[in-house]
């Protein structure tokens, strides 16, 4: 398995509750569980969905 370099938003809570993203922008994980599962994502499609309001309530 390839080691990923993870980064957390500078806007995250001090208690560490945040989503982290790899430097390659292809995987997400819960910062509270760094050894837990990761989610492989197509960031381009994800950003497009956000911009078009797909996740709006």
Protein backbone atom coordinates (compact mmCIF):
# COMPACT_ATOMS: atom_id res chain seq x y z
CA UNK A 1 0.00 0.00 0.00
CA UNK A 2 1.29 3.45 -0.89
CA UNK A 3 1.80 5.87 1.97
CA UNK A 4 -0.28 9.01 1.60
CA UNK A 5 0.60 12.47 2.86
CA UNK A 6 -2.44 13.88 4.63
CA UNK A 7 -3.38 17.48 5.32
CA UNK A 8 -6.08 19.06 7.41
CA UNK A 9 -7.76 22.38 6.83
CA UNK A 10 -6.38 25.32 8.75
CA UNK A 11 -10.05 26.07 9.56
CA UNK A 12 -10.50 22.79 11.46
CA UNK A 13 -11.55 22.73 15.10
CA UNK A 14 -8.83 22.68 17.77
CA UNK A 15 -10.22 19.34 19.00
CA UNK A 16 -9.24 17.74 15.68
CA UNK A 17 -12.72 16.97 14.34
CA UNK A 18 -12.09 17.39 10.66
CA UNK A 19 -11.84 15.64 7.34
CA UNK A 20 -8.33 15.24 5.97
CA UNK A 21 -7.34 15.10 2.31
CA UNK A 22 -4.26 13.60 0.68
CA UNK A 23 -1.84 15.85 -1.13
CA UNK A 24 -2.81 14.00 -4.31
CA UNK A 25 -6.43 15.14 -3.70
CA UNK A 26 -7.77 11.62 -4.23
CA UNK A 27 -8.62 10.32 -0.73
CA UNK A 28 -10.50 11.56 2.33
CA UNK A 29 -10.47 10.31 5.92
CA UNK A 30 -11.77 11.23 9.37
CA UNK A 31 -8.98 12.96 11.30
CA UNK A 32 -10.18 11.34 14.55
CA UNK A 33 -9.46 7.88 13.08
CA UNK A 34 -6.26 8.15 11.00
CA UNK A 35 -5.83 4.37 10.83
CA UNK A 36 -9.47 3.88 9.84
CA UNK A 37 -10.97 3.62 6.38
CA UNK A 38 -10.38 6.12 3.62
CA UNK A 39 -12.67 7.22 0.83
CA UNK A 40 -11.28 7.37 -2.69
CA UNK A 41 -12.80 10.36 -4.48
CA UNK A 42 -12.72 12.10 -7.83
CA UNK A 43 -12.13 15.60 -6.48
CA UNK A 44 -12.89 17.30 -9.79
CA UNK A 45 -16.34 15.69 -9.92
CA UNK A 46 -16.87 16.38 -6.21
CA UNK A 47 -16.09 20.10 -6.58
CA UNK A 48 -18.29 20.29 -9.67
CA UNK A 49 -21.18 18.74 -7.69
CA UNK A 50 -20.68 21.27 -4.88
CA UNK A 51 -20.63 24.20 -7.29
CA UNK A 52 -23.80 23.04 -9.04
CA UNK A 53 -25.67 22.72 -5.74
CA UNK A 54 -26.01 18.95 -5.72
CA UNK A 55 -25.55 18.82 -1.94
CA UNK A 56 -27.73 21.84 -1.12
CA UNK A 57 -30.74 21.17 1.06
